Amino acid sequence: MKMKEKKDCKIVQDLLPNYIDNLTNEETNAYIEKHLEECEECKTIYENMKKELKIGTEKPDKREINFFKKYRNKLRILRIILLVIFMIFVLDSCRKIIIISDLSNKAEQYAKSSNYHKISIYWDYENEGFTKVEVYRLGDKIKNSTTQLSTDFTNKIITAFGRDRKIDAQNIEHYITNIYEEENGKKTKAILNTESTITNRPENILKTENWWELLIHAICANIRETNYNGEKCYYIANFDFSQDTNSYGMYVNKNTGLTVGFGQSKAVGEIITGTQNYKYEFDTVTEEDFIEPDASEYEKVSNAIND
């Protein structure tokens, strides 16, 4: 009888893991449960085995739960970071759109002016020297004075006086023009009554065709506040200008919206090198600015009407 009981205990103990995991059939369950009621030793083994299996299954579950908690927390933090970056991007884009729109509206008003004095200074690579261009506009009259100073100190001044303005189908201005040339102080040539175009008015470089174009250009642009030649300006880079100098960036006057310089400048006396520079005066031009020199004083005089 004892041998039979020992044999039953061994069978039951072998079956206990499957019994605990509910892998045994009903007949086997009945056999095990009856034996556990009669055998304290197997019952104790069963209780201990059930506790160990329970502990063994709980630990992985806790680790898995902790992993998913950490994953959710990291995902939440990532979402917050991405939301903050997106909000910064939106706010910065809105700021740039407002600045560009405001500057463009101001420049558009000044571009329509019929009384202005514009000064341009830039390095002329073709002539290897500085070139200064002054444009005077008063109604239908215009004067363009170009001074070229080369590295060998050769000074050349060409002044054109335009009158009888006409605008063609392409919106290009044509003038009857008298042109006077001087070189190193000598009055060398005068060309009278020739038709020419003189286009050097204030420009609205920030003008865009529509809101979509403004949005794209504003997103790409870099804008910061600065001072340039004593004027409060915005420095704007990476904007899609029609100018060849757009890769340098430009300085735009805060009050007028007009461009006052391109590129990073370096002062040498009163001349700025390495860039193009502009200065504007409005409602200061008078008839006295259009008093022409005496053509008879020039060495060579040609008249387009007679020629």
C-alpha atoms as a PDB file:
ATOM      1  CA  MET A   1       0.000   0.000   0.000  1.00  0.00           C
ATOM      2  CA  LYS A   2       2.800   2.389   0.853  1.00  0.00           C
ATOM      3  CA  MET A   3       4.537   1.628  -2.420  1.00  0.00           C
ATOM      4  CA  LYS A   4       1.329   2.494  -4.263  1.00  0.00           C
ATOM      5  CA  GLU A   5       1.002   5.803  -2.328  1.00  0.00           C
ATOM      6  CA  LYS A   6       4.593   6.762  -3.143  1.00  0.00           C
ATOM      7  CA  LYS A   7       3.968   5.950  -6.760  1.00  0.00           C
ATOM      8  CA  ASP A   8       0.794   8.097  -6.746  1.00  0.00           C
ATOM      9  CA  CYS A   9       2.662  10.994  -5.101  1.00  0.00           C
ATOM     10  CA  LYS A  10       5.308  10.877  -7.808  1.00  0.00           C
ATOM     11  CA  ILE A  11       2.690  10.879 -10.550  1.00  0.00           C
ATOM     12  CA  VAL A  12       0.765  13.767  -8.977  1.00  0.00           C
ATOM     13  CA  GLN A  13       3.906  15.856  -8.402  1.00  0.00           C
ATOM     14  CA  ASP A  14       4.884  15.399 -12.047  1.00  0.00           C
ATOM     15  CA  LEU A  15       1.416  16.563 -13.106  1.00  0.00           C
ATOM     16  CA  LEU A  16       1.209  19.570 -10.762  1.00  0.00           C
ATOM     17  CA  PRO A  17       2.877  22.158 -13.125  1.00  0.00           C
ATOM     18  CA  ASN A  18       0.425  21.312 -15.904  1.00  0.00           C
ATOM     19  CA  TYR A  19      -2.437  21.260 -13.425  1.00  0.00           C
ATOM     20  CA  ILE A  20      -1.557  24.732 -12.172  1.00  0.00           C
ATOM     21  CA  ASP A  21      -1.389  26.014 -15.791  1.00  0.00           C
ATOM     22  CA  ASN A  22      -4.812  24.385 -16.520  1.00  0.00           C
ATOM     23  CA  LEU A  23      -3.331  22.034 -19.102  1.00  0.00           C
ATOM     24  CA  THR A  24      -4.770  18.767 -17.683  1.00  0.00           C
ATOM     25  CA  ASN A  25      -8.181  17.268 -18.550  1.00  0.00           C
ATOM     26  CA  GLU A  26     -11.122  16.866 -16.166  1.00  0.00           C
ATOM     27  CA  GLU A  27     -10.395  13.238 -15.328  1.00  0.00           C
ATOM     28  CA  THR A  28      -6.799  13.995 -14.446  1.00  0.00           C
ATOM     29  CA  ASN A  29      -7.899  17.061 -12.441  1.00  0.00           C
ATOM     30  CA  ALA A  30     -10.253  14.906 -10.397  1.00  0.00           C
ATOM     31  CA  TYR A  31      -7.477  12.396  -9.745  1.00  0.00           C
ATOM     32  CA  ILE A  32      -5.031  15.134  -8.627  1.00  0.00           C
ATOM     33  CA  GLU A  33      -7.538  16.966  -6.457  1.00  0.00           C
ATOM     34  CA  LYS A  34      -8.591  13.720  -4.677  1.00  0.00           C
ATOM     35  CA  HIS A  35      -4.949  12.904  -4.001  1.00  0.00           C
ATOM     36  CA  LEU A  36      -4.257  16.418  -2.639  1.00  0.00           C
ATOM     37  CA  GLU A  37      -7.144  16.010  -0.185  1.00  0.00           C
ATOM     38  CA  GLU A  38      -5.595  12.827   1.195  1.00  0.00           C
ATOM     39  CA  CYS A  39      -1.854  13.695   1.002  1.00  0.00           C
ATOM     40  CA  GLU A  40      -0.524  16.588   3.053  1.00  0.00           C
ATOM     41  CA  GLU A  41       2.960  16.279   1.558  1.00  0.00           C
ATOM     42  CA  CYS A  42       1.740  16.687  -2.014  1.00  0.00           C
ATOM     43  CA  LYS A  43      -0.621  19.443  -0.963  1.00  0.00           C
ATOM     44  CA  THR A  44       2.288  21.389   0.575  1.00  0.00           C
ATOM     45  CA  ILE A  45       4.332  20.871  -2.585  1.00  0.00           C
ATOM     46  CA  TYR A  46       1.352  22.057  -4.649  1.00  0.00           C
ATOM     47  CA  GLU A  47       0.956  25.260  -2.577  1.00  0.00           C
ATOM     48  CA  ASN A  48       4.656  26.078  -2.771  1.00  0.00           C
ATOM     49  CA  MET A  49       4.777  25.341  -6.480  1.00  0.00           C
ATOM     50  CA  LYS A  50       1.745  27.559  -7.123  1.00  0.00           C
ATOM     51  CA  LYS A  51       3.387  30.486  -5.258  1.00  0.00           C
ATOM     52  CA  GLU A  52       6.659  30.105  -7.174  1.00  0.00           C
ATOM     53  CA  LEU A  53       4.879  30.025 -10.539  1.00  0.00           C
ATOM     54  CA  LYS A  54       2.819  33.063  -9.585  1.00  0.00           C
ATOM     55  CA  ILE A  55       5.926  35.045  -8.599  1.00  0.00           C
ATOM     56  CA  GLY A  56       7.698  33.938 -11.790  1.00  0.00           C
ATOM     57  CA  THR A  57       4.837  35.172 -13.988  1.00  0.00           C
ATOM     58  CA  GLU A  58       4.349  38.481 -12.113  1.00  0.00           C
ATOM     59  CA  LYS A  59       7.903  39.776 -12.544  1.00  0.00           C
ATOM     60  CA  PRO A  60       7.919  39.835 -16.348  1.00  0.00           C
ATOM     61  CA  ASP A  61       4.513  41.503 -16.300  1.00  0.00           C
ATOM     62  CA  LYS A  62       5.814  44.301 -14.069  1.00  0.00           C
ATOM     63  CA  ARG A  63       8.870  44.789 -16.263  1.00  0.00           C
ATOM     64  CA  GLU A  64       6.660  44.926 -19.322  1.00  0.00           C
ATOM     65  CA  ILE A  65       4.313  47.430 -17.680  1.00  0.00           C
ATOM     66  CA  ASN A  66       7.234  49.639 -16.616  1.00  0.00           C
ATOM     67  CA  PHE A  67       8.650  49.533 -20.154  1.00  0.00           C
ATOM     68  CA  PHE A  68       5.375  50.675 -21.694  1.00  0.00           C
ATOM     69  CA  LYS A  69       5.020  53.405 -19.072  1.00  0.00           C
ATOM     70  CA  LYS A  70       8.481  54.740 -19.916  1.00  0.00           C
ATOM     71  CA  TYR A  71       7.721  54.479 -23.643  1.00  0.00           C
ATOM     72  CA  ARG A  72       4.486  56.448 -23.233  1.00  0.00           C
ATOM     73  CA  ASN A  73       6.251  59.112 -21.166  1.00  0.00           C
ATOM     74  CA  LYS A  74       9.007  59.499 -23.772  1.00  0.00           C
ATOM     75  CA  LEU A  75       6.427  59.657 -26.550  1.00  0.00           C
ATOM     76  CA  ARG A  76       4.510  62.339 -24.650  1.00  0.00           C
ATOM     77  CA  ILE A  77       7.682  64.400 -24.133  1.00  0.00           C
ATOM     78  CA  LEU A  78       8.561  64.028 -27.843  1.00  0.00           C
ATOM     79  CA  ARG A  79       5.099  65.249 -28.828  1.00  0.00           C
ATOM     80  CA  ILE A  80       5.454  68.283 -26.554  1.00  0.00           C
ATOM     81  CA  ILE A  81       8.902  69.096 -28.014  1.00  0.00           C
ATOM     82  CA  LEU A  82       7.588  68.783 -31.586  1.00  0.00           C
ATOM     83  CA  LEU A  83       4.586  70.967 -30.712  1.00  0.00           C
ATOM     84  CA  VAL A  84       6.860  73.650 -29.212  1.00  0.00           C
ATOM     85  CA  ILE A  85       9.123  73.567 -32.314  1.00  0.00           C
ATOM     86  CA  PHE A  86       6.082  73.851 -34.587  1.00  0.00           C
ATOM     87  CA  MET A  87       4.682  76.796 -32.587  1.00  0.00           C
ATOM     88  CA  ILE A  88       8.056  78.579 -32.701  1.00  0.00           C
ATOM     89  CA  PHE A  89       8.181  78.004 -36.478  1.00  0.00           C
ATOM     90  CA  VAL A  90       4.625  79.352 -36.945  1.00  0.00           C
ATOM     91  CA  LEU A  91       5.239  82.421 -34.751  1.00  0.00           C
ATOM     92  CA  ASP A  92       8.553  83.182 -36.481  1.00  0.00           C
ATOM     93  CA  SER A  93       6.947  82.834 -39.922  1.00  0.00           C
ATOM     94  CA  CYS A  94       4.084  85.154 -38.907  1.00  0.00           C
ATOM     95  CA  ARG A  95       6.598  87.692 -37.600  1.00  0.00           C
ATOM     96  CA  LYS A  96       8.532  87.635 -40.900  1.00  0.00           C
ATOM     97  CA  ILE A  97       5.342  87.917 -42.971  1.00  0.00           C
ATOM     98  CA  ILE A  98       4.238  90.975 -40.976  1.00  0.00           C
ATOM     99  CA  ILE A  99       7.672  92.643 -41.285  1.00  0.00           C
ATOM    100  CA  ILE A 100       7.979  92.004 -45.036  1.00  0.00           C
ATOM    101  CA  SER A 101       4.389  93.118 -45.730  1.00  0.00           C
ATOM    102  CA  ASP A 102       4.865  96.322 -43.738  1.00  0.00           C
ATOM    103  CA  LEU A 103       8.170  97.163 -45.454  1.00  0.00           C
ATOM    104  CA  SER A 104       6.732  96.379 -48.896  1.00  0.00           C
ATOM    105  CA  ASN A 105       3.719  98.641 -48.339  1.00  0.00           C
ATOM    106  CA  LYS A 106       5.979 101.521 -47.272  1.00  0.00           C
ATOM    107  CA  ALA A 107       8.367 101.010 -50.207  1.00  0.00           C
ATOM    108  CA  GLU A 108       5.448 100.928 -52.660  1.00  0.00           C
ATOM    109  CA  GLN A 109       4.429 104.447 -51.652  1.00  0.00           C
ATOM    110  CA  TYR A 110       7.950 105.854 -52.037  1.00  0.00           C
ATOM    111  CA  ALA A 111       8.433 104.047 -55.377  1.00  0.00           C
ATOM    112  CA  LYS A 112       5.573 106.153 -56.788  1.00  0.00           C
ATOM    113  CA  SER A 113       7.222 109.457 -55.788  1.00  0.00           C
ATOM    114  CA  SER A 114       7.874 112.014 -58.531  1.00  0.00           C
ATOM    115  CA  ASN A 115      10.274 114.092 -56.406  1.00  0.00           C
ATOM    116  CA  TYR A 116      13.311 112.234 -55.167  1.00  0.00           C
ATOM    117  CA  HIS A 117      17.092 112.241 -55.038  1.00  0.00           C
ATOM    118  CA  LYS A 118      18.698 108.788 -55.084  1.00  0.00           C
ATOM    119  CA  ILE A 119      22.402 108.132 -54.506  1.00  0.00           C
ATOM    120  CA  SER A 120      24.004 104.760 -55.340  1.00  0.00           C
ATOM    121  CA  ILE A 121      27.599 103.794 -54.542  1.00  0.00           C
ATOM    122  CA  TYR A 122      29.110 100.473 -55.597  1.00  0.00           C
ATOM    123  CA  TRP A 123      32.318  98.814 -56.731  1.00  0.00           C
ATOM    124  CA  ASP A 124      32.421  98.585 -60.535  1.00  0.00           C
ATOM    125  CA  TYR A 125      34.405  95.454 -61.420  1.00  0.00           C
ATOM    126  CA  GLU A 126      34.429  96.325 -65.133  1.00  0.00           C
ATOM    127  CA  ASN A 127      36.104  99.704 -64.588  1.00  0.00           C
ATOM    128  CA  GLU A 128      37.992  98.571 -61.466  1.00  0.00           C
ATOM    129  CA  GLY A 129      36.873 101.447 -59.296  1.00  0.00           C
ATOM    130  CA  PHE A 130      34.023 102.992 -57.382  1.00  0.00           C
ATOM    131  CA  THR A 131      30.982 104.312 -59.180  1.00  0.00           C
ATOM    132  CA  LYS A 132      28.599 106.858 -57.734  1.00  0.00           C
ATOM    133  CA  VAL A 133      25.231 107.425 -59.406  1.00  0.00           C
ATOM    134  CA  GLU A 134      22.941 110.326 -58.453  1.00  0.00           C
ATOM    135  CA  VAL A 135      19.408 110.515 -59.834  1.00  0.00           C
ATOM    136  CA  TYR A 136      17.236 113.633 -59.499  1.00  0.00           C
ATOM    137  CA  ARG A 137      13.557 113.390 -60.409  1.00  0.00           C
ATOM    138  CA  LEU A 138      11.056 116.247 -60.577  1.00  0.00           C
ATOM    139  CA  GLY A 139       7.801 115.461 -62.345  1.00  0.00           C
ATOM    140  CA  ASP A 140       8.606 114.662 -65.997  1.00  0.00           C
ATOM    141  CA  LYS A 141      12.232 115.760 -65.643  1.00  0.00           C
ATOM    142  CA  ILE A 142      15.119 113.539 -64.634  1.00  0.00           C
ATOM    143  CA  LYS A 143      18.878 113.946 -64.186  1.00  0.00           C
ATOM    144  CA  ASN A 144      21.372 111.108 -63.926  1.00  0.00           C
ATOM    145  CA  SER A 145      24.943 111.912 -62.886  1.00  0.00           C
ATOM    146  CA  THR A 146      27.457 109.038 -62.911  1.00  0.00           C
ATOM    147  CA  THR A 147      30.922 109.521 -61.401  1.00  0.00           C
ATOM    148  CA  GLN A 148      33.544 106.840 -62.042  1.00  0.00           C
ATOM    149  CA  LEU A 149      36.722 106.779 -59.947  1.00  0.00           C
ATOM    150  CA  SER A 150      39.164 104.083 -61.029  1.00  0.00           C
ATOM    151  CA  THR A 151      42.132 102.744 -59.082  1.00  0.00           C
ATOM    152  CA  ASP A 152      44.517 104.875 -61.173  1.00  0.00           C
ATOM    153  CA  PHE A 153      42.577 107.962 -59.943  1.00  0.00           C
ATOM    154  CA  THR A 154      41.034 108.618 -63.350  1.00  0.00           C
ATOM    155  CA  ASN A 155      37.855 110.574 -62.761  1.00  0.00           C
ATOM    156  CA  LYS A 156      35.016 110.478 -65.267  1.00  0.00           C
ATOM    157  CA  ILE A 157      31.619 112.186 -64.875  1.00  0.00           C
ATOM    158  CA  ILE A 158      28.673 111.607 -67.210  1.00  0.00           C
ATOM    159  CA  THR A 159      25.569 113.715 -66.587  1.00  0.00           C
ATOM    160  CA  ALA A 160      22.324 113.184 -68.489  1.00  0.00           C
ATOM    161  CA  PHE A 161      19.408 115.656 -68.380  1.00  0.00           C
ATOM    162  CA  GLY A 162      16.124 114.118 -69.499  1.00  0.00           C
ATOM    163  CA  ARG A 163      12.923 115.957 -70.477  1.00  0.00           C
ATOM    164  CA  ASP A 164       9.636 115.285 -72.304  1.00  0.00           C
ATOM    165  CA  ARG A 165       9.041 111.958 -70.609  1.00  0.00           C
ATOM    166  CA  LYS A 166       7.100 109.311 -72.550  1.00  0.00           C
ATOM    167  CA  ILE A 167       6.081 105.809 -71.409  1.00  0.00           C
ATOM    168  CA  ASP A 168       5.878 102.964 -73.928  1.00  0.00           C
ATOM    169  CA  ALA A 169       3.717  99.823 -73.911  1.00  0.00           C
ATOM    170  CA  GLN A 170       6.273  97.999 -71.701  1.00  0.00           C
ATOM    171  CA  ASN A 171       6.033 100.817 -69.128  1.00  0.00           C
ATOM    172  CA  ILE A 172       9.605 101.962 -69.946  1.00  0.00           C
ATOM    173  CA  GLU A 173      10.324 105.695 -69.611  1.00  0.00           C
ATOM    174  CA  HIS A 174      11.863 107.490 -72.588  1.00  0.00           C
ATOM    175  CA  TYR A 175      13.363 110.997 -72.502  1.00  0.00           C
ATOM    176  CA  ILE A 176      14.843 113.542 -74.876  1.00  0.00           C
ATOM    177  CA  THR A 177      18.277 113.768 -73.302  1.00  0.00           C
ATOM    178  CA  ASN A 178      21.323 116.040 -73.227  1.00  0.00           C
ATOM    179  CA  ILE A 179      24.461 114.205 -72.125  1.00  0.00           C
ATOM    180  CA  TYR A 180      27.641 115.902 -70.868  1.00  0.00           C
ATOM    181  CA  GLU A 181      30.932 114.103 -70.223  1.00  0.00           C
ATOM    182  CA  GLU A 182      33.941 115.272 -68.197  1.00  0.00           C
ATOM    183  CA  GLU A 183      37.233 113.483 -67.598  1.00  0.00           C
ATOM    184  CA  ASN A 184      39.729 114.619 -64.967  1.00  0.00           C
ATOM    185  CA  GLY A 185      38.119 118.080 -64.903  1.00  0.00           C
ATOM    186  CA  LYS A 186      38.111 118.558 -68.708  1.00  0.00           C
ATOM    187  CA  LYS A 187      34.789 119.011 -70.509  1.00  0.00           C
ATOM    188  CA  THR A 188      35.243 116.453 -73.256  1.00  0.00           C
ATOM    189  CA  LYS A 189      31.929 115.748 -74.937  1.00  0.00           C
ATOM    190  CA  ALA A 190      28.312 116.933 -75.176  1.00  0.00           C
ATOM    191  CA  ILE A 191      25.574 114.931 -76.949  1.00  0.00           C
ATOM    192  CA  LEU A 192      22.358 116.898 -77.356  1.00  0.00           C
ATOM    193  CA  ASN A 193      18.754 115.962 -78.072  1.00  0.00           C
ATOM    194  CA  THR A 194      19.134 112.181 -78.136  1.00  0.00           C
ATOM    195  CA  GLU A 195      16.404 109.788 -77.052  1.00  0.00           C
ATOM    196  CA  SER A 196      17.309 107.477 -74.176  1.00  0.00           C
ATOM    197  CA  THR A 197      15.899 105.635 -71.175  1.00  0.00           C
ATOM    198  CA  ILE A 198      16.846 106.582 -67.620  1.00  0.00           C
ATOM    199  CA  THR A 199      15.449 104.125 -65.087  1.00  0.00           C
ATOM    200  CA  ASN A 200      16.875 104.402 -61.616  1.00  0.00           C
ATOM    201  CA  ARG A 201      13.879 105.018 -59.398  1.00  0.00           C
ATOM    202  CA  PRO A 202      13.316 103.747 -55.836  1.00  0.00           C
ATOM    203  CA  GLU A 203      12.407 100.050 -55.967  1.00  0.00           C
ATOM    204  CA  ASN A 204      10.143  97.868 -53.880  1.00  0.00           C
ATOM    205  CA  ILE A 205      12.342  94.755 -53.928  1.00  0.00           C
ATOM    206  CA  LEU A 206      10.202  92.975 -51.302  1.00  0.00           C
ATOM    207  CA  LYS A 207       7.090  93.112 -53.471  1.00  0.00           C
ATOM    208  CA  THR A 208       5.429  89.719 -54.097  1.00  0.00           C
ATOM    209  CA  GLU A 209       2.667  88.789 -56.524  1.00  0.00           C
ATOM    210  CA  ASN A 210       0.374  87.061 -54.008  1.00  0.00           C
ATOM    211  CA  TRP A 211       0.078  85.787 -50.438  1.00  0.00           C
ATOM    212  CA  TRP A 212       1.363  82.312 -51.349  1.00  0.00           C
ATOM    213  CA  GLU A 213       4.574  83.777 -52.783  1.00  0.00           C
ATOM    214  CA  LEU A 214       4.914  86.005 -49.718  1.00  0.00           C
ATOM    215  CA  LEU A 215       4.529  82.969 -47.427  1.00  0.00           C
ATOM    216  CA  ILE A 216       7.183  80.926 -49.248  1.00  0.00           C
ATOM    217  CA  HIS A 217       9.669  83.821 -49.356  1.00  0.00           C
ATOM    218  CA  ALA A 218       9.028  84.724 -45.709  1.00  0.00           C
ATOM    219  CA  ILE A 219       9.616  81.147 -44.526  1.00  0.00           C
ATOM    220  CA  CYS A 220      12.954  81.015 -46.365  1.00  0.00           C
ATOM    221  CA  ALA A 221      14.114  84.491 -45.293  1.00  0.00           C
ATOM    222  CA  ASN A 222      16.373  85.334 -42.359  1.00  0.00           C
ATOM    223  CA  ILE A 223      15.505  88.675 -40.744  1.00  0.00           C
ATOM    224  CA  ARG A 224      17.208  90.566 -37.942  1.00  0.00           C
ATOM    225  CA  GLU A 225      17.235  94.150 -36.732  1.00  0.00           C
ATOM    226  CA  THR A 226      20.431  96.164 -37.130  1.00  0.00           C
ATOM    227  CA  ASN A 227      21.901  99.608 -37.850  1.00  0.00           C
ATOM    228  CA  TYR A 228      23.437 100.404 -41.219  1.00  0.00           C
ATOM    229  CA  ASN A 229      25.236 103.671 -41.996  1.00  0.00           C
ATOM    230  CA  GLY A 230      23.429 105.277 -39.065  1.00  0.00           C
ATOM    231  CA  GLU A 231      19.947 104.090 -40.130  1.00  0.00           C
ATOM    232  CA  LYS A 232      17.673 101.650 -38.311  1.00  0.00           C
ATOM    233  CA  CYS A 233      17.252  98.686 -40.650  1.00  0.00           C
ATOM    234  CA  TYR A 234      16.340  95.074 -41.083  1.00  0.00           C
ATOM    235  CA  TYR A 235      18.965  92.771 -42.527  1.00  0.00           C
ATOM    236  CA  ILE A 236      17.137  90.307 -44.804  1.00  0.00           C
ATOM    237  CA  ALA A 237      18.902  87.306 -46.361  1.00  0.00           C
ATOM    238  CA  ASN A 238      17.710  84.323 -48.415  1.00  0.00           C
ATOM    239  CA  PHE A 239      14.829  86.276 -49.914  1.00  0.00           C
ATOM    240  CA  ASP A 240      14.064  85.627 -53.585  1.00  0.00           C
ATOM    241  CA  PHE A 241      15.185  88.968 -54.992  1.00  0.00           C
ATOM    242  CA  SER A 242      15.303  89.794 -58.668  1.00  0.00           C
ATOM    243  CA  GLN A 243      18.752  91.300 -57.986  1.00  0.00           C
ATOM    244  CA  ASP A 244      21.982  89.391 -58.616  1.00  0.00           C
ATOM    245  CA  THR A 245      23.154  90.501 -55.173  1.00  0.00           C
ATOM    246  CA  ASN A 246      20.454  88.593 -53.289  1.00  0.00           C
ATOM    247  CA  SER A 247      22.999  86.010 -52.090  1.00  0.00           C
ATOM    248  CA  TYR A 248      24.606  88.722 -49.908  1.00  0.00           C
ATOM    249  CA  GLY A 249      21.396  89.775 -48.184  1.00  0.00           C
ATOM    250  CA  MET A 250      20.160  93.349 -48.018  1.00  0.00           C
ATOM    251  CA  TYR A 251      19.645  96.154 -45.550  1.00  0.00           C
ATOM    252  CA  VAL A 252      16.147  97.657 -45.629  1.00  0.00           C
ATOM    253  CA  ASN A 253      15.314 100.965 -43.965  1.00  0.00           C
ATOM    254  CA  LYS A 254      12.636 100.477 -41.293  1.00  0.00           C
ATOM    255  CA  ASN A 255      10.888 103.761 -42.043  1.00  0.00           C
ATOM    256  CA  THR A 256      10.800 103.671 -45.850  1.00  0.00           C
ATOM    257  CA  GLY A 257      11.008  99.960 -46.718  1.00  0.00           C
ATOM    258  CA  LEU A 258      13.660 100.862 -49.311  1.00  0.00           C
ATOM    259  CA  THR A 259      16.952  99.028 -49.759  1.00  0.00           C
ATOM    260  CA  VAL A 260      19.941 101.003 -48.462  1.00  0.00           C
ATOM    261  CA  GLY A 261      22.646  98.379 -48.942  1.00  0.00           C
ATOM    262  CA  PHE A 262      23.605  94.873 -50.016  1.00  0.00           C
ATOM    263  CA  GLY A 263      26.074  92.509 -48.396  1.00  0.00           C
ATOM    264  CA  GLN A 264      28.394  92.908 -45.423  1.00  0.00           C
ATOM    265  CA  SER A 265      29.961  96.356 -45.582  1.00  0.00           C
ATOM    266  CA  LYS A 266      33.311  97.753 -44.507  1.00  0.00           C
ATOM    267  CA  ALA A 267      33.830 101.480 -44.173  1.00  0.00           C
ATOM    268  CA  VAL A 268      36.846 103.142 -45.802  1.00  0.00           C
ATOM    269  CA  GLY A 269      36.560 106.847 -45.137  1.00  0.00           C
ATOM    270  CA  GLU A 270      33.163 107.878 -46.505  1.00  0.00           C
ATOM    271  CA  ILE A 271      33.030 105.022 -49.030  1.00  0.00           C
ATOM    272  CA  ILE A 272      31.595 101.591 -48.311  1.00  0.00           C
ATOM    273  CA  THR A 273      33.444  98.676 -49.913  1.00  0.00           C
ATOM    274  CA  GLY A 274      32.330  95.223 -50.827  1.00  0.00           C
ATOM    275  CA  THR A 275      28.684  96.146 -51.277  1.00  0.00           C
ATOM    276  CA  GLN A 276      26.124  98.369 -52.983  1.00  0.00           C
ATOM    277  CA  ASN A 277      24.797 101.299 -50.974  1.00  0.00           C
ATOM    278  CA  TYR A 278      21.838 103.614 -51.497  1.00  0.00           C
ATOM    279  CA  LYS A 279      20.596 106.848 -49.978  1.00  0.00           C
ATOM    280  CA  TYR A 280      17.271 108.590 -50.649  1.00  0.00           C
ATOM    281  CA  GLU A 281      15.890 112.079 -50.193  1.00  0.00           C
ATOM    282  CA  PHE A 282      12.278 112.931 -50.998  1.00  0.00           C
ATOM    283  CA  ASP A 283      10.620 116.275 -51.866  1.00  0.00           C
ATOM    284  CA  THR A 284      13.982 118.070 -51.863  1.00  0.00           C
ATOM    285  CA  VAL A 285      14.567 118.359 -55.655  1.00  0.00           C
ATOM    286  CA  THR A 286      14.034 121.810 -57.251  1.00  0.00           C
ATOM    287  CA  GLU A 287      14.355 123.365 -60.712  1.00  0.00           C
ATOM    288  CA  GLU A 288      17.872 124.534 -59.806  1.00  0.00           C
ATOM    289  CA  ASP A 289      19.040 120.899 -59.882  1.00  0.00           C
ATOM    290  CA  PHE A 290      18.251 120.864 -63.635  1.00  0.00           C
ATOM    291  CA  ILE A 291      20.320 123.871 -64.721  1.00  0.00           C
ATOM    292  CA  GLU A 292      22.463 122.529 -67.587  1.00  0.00           C
ATOM    293  CA  PRO A 293      26.069 123.527 -68.369  1.00  0.00           C
ATOM    294  CA  ASP A 294      26.965 125.514 -71.483  1.00  0.00           C
ATOM    295  CA  ALA A 295      27.433 122.974 -74.297  1.00  0.00           C
ATOM    296  CA  SER A 296      29.772 125.362 -76.187  1.00  0.00           C
ATOM    297  CA  GLU A 297      32.394 124.865 -73.461  1.00  0.00           C
ATOM    298  CA  TYR A 298      32.842 121.195 -74.372  1.00  0.00           C
ATOM    299  CA  GLU A 299      35.587 119.985 -76.756  1.00  0.00           C
ATOM    300  CA  LYS A 300      33.214 117.928 -78.881  1.00  0.00           C
ATOM    301  CA  VAL A 301      29.525 118.683 -79.375  1.00  0.00           C
ATOM    302  CA  SER A 302      27.063 116.609 -81.408  1.00  0.00           C
ATOM    303  CA  ASN A 303      23.395 117.261 -81.911  1.00  0.00           C
ATOM    304  CA  ALA A 304      21.217 114.209 -82.604  1.00  0.00           C
ATOM    305  CA  ILE A 305      18.586 116.364 -84.349  1.00  0.00           C
ATOM    306  CA  ASN A 306      21.085 117.780 -86.859  1.00  0.00           C
ATOM    307  CA  ASP A 307      23.036 114.504 -87.188  1.00  0.00           C
END
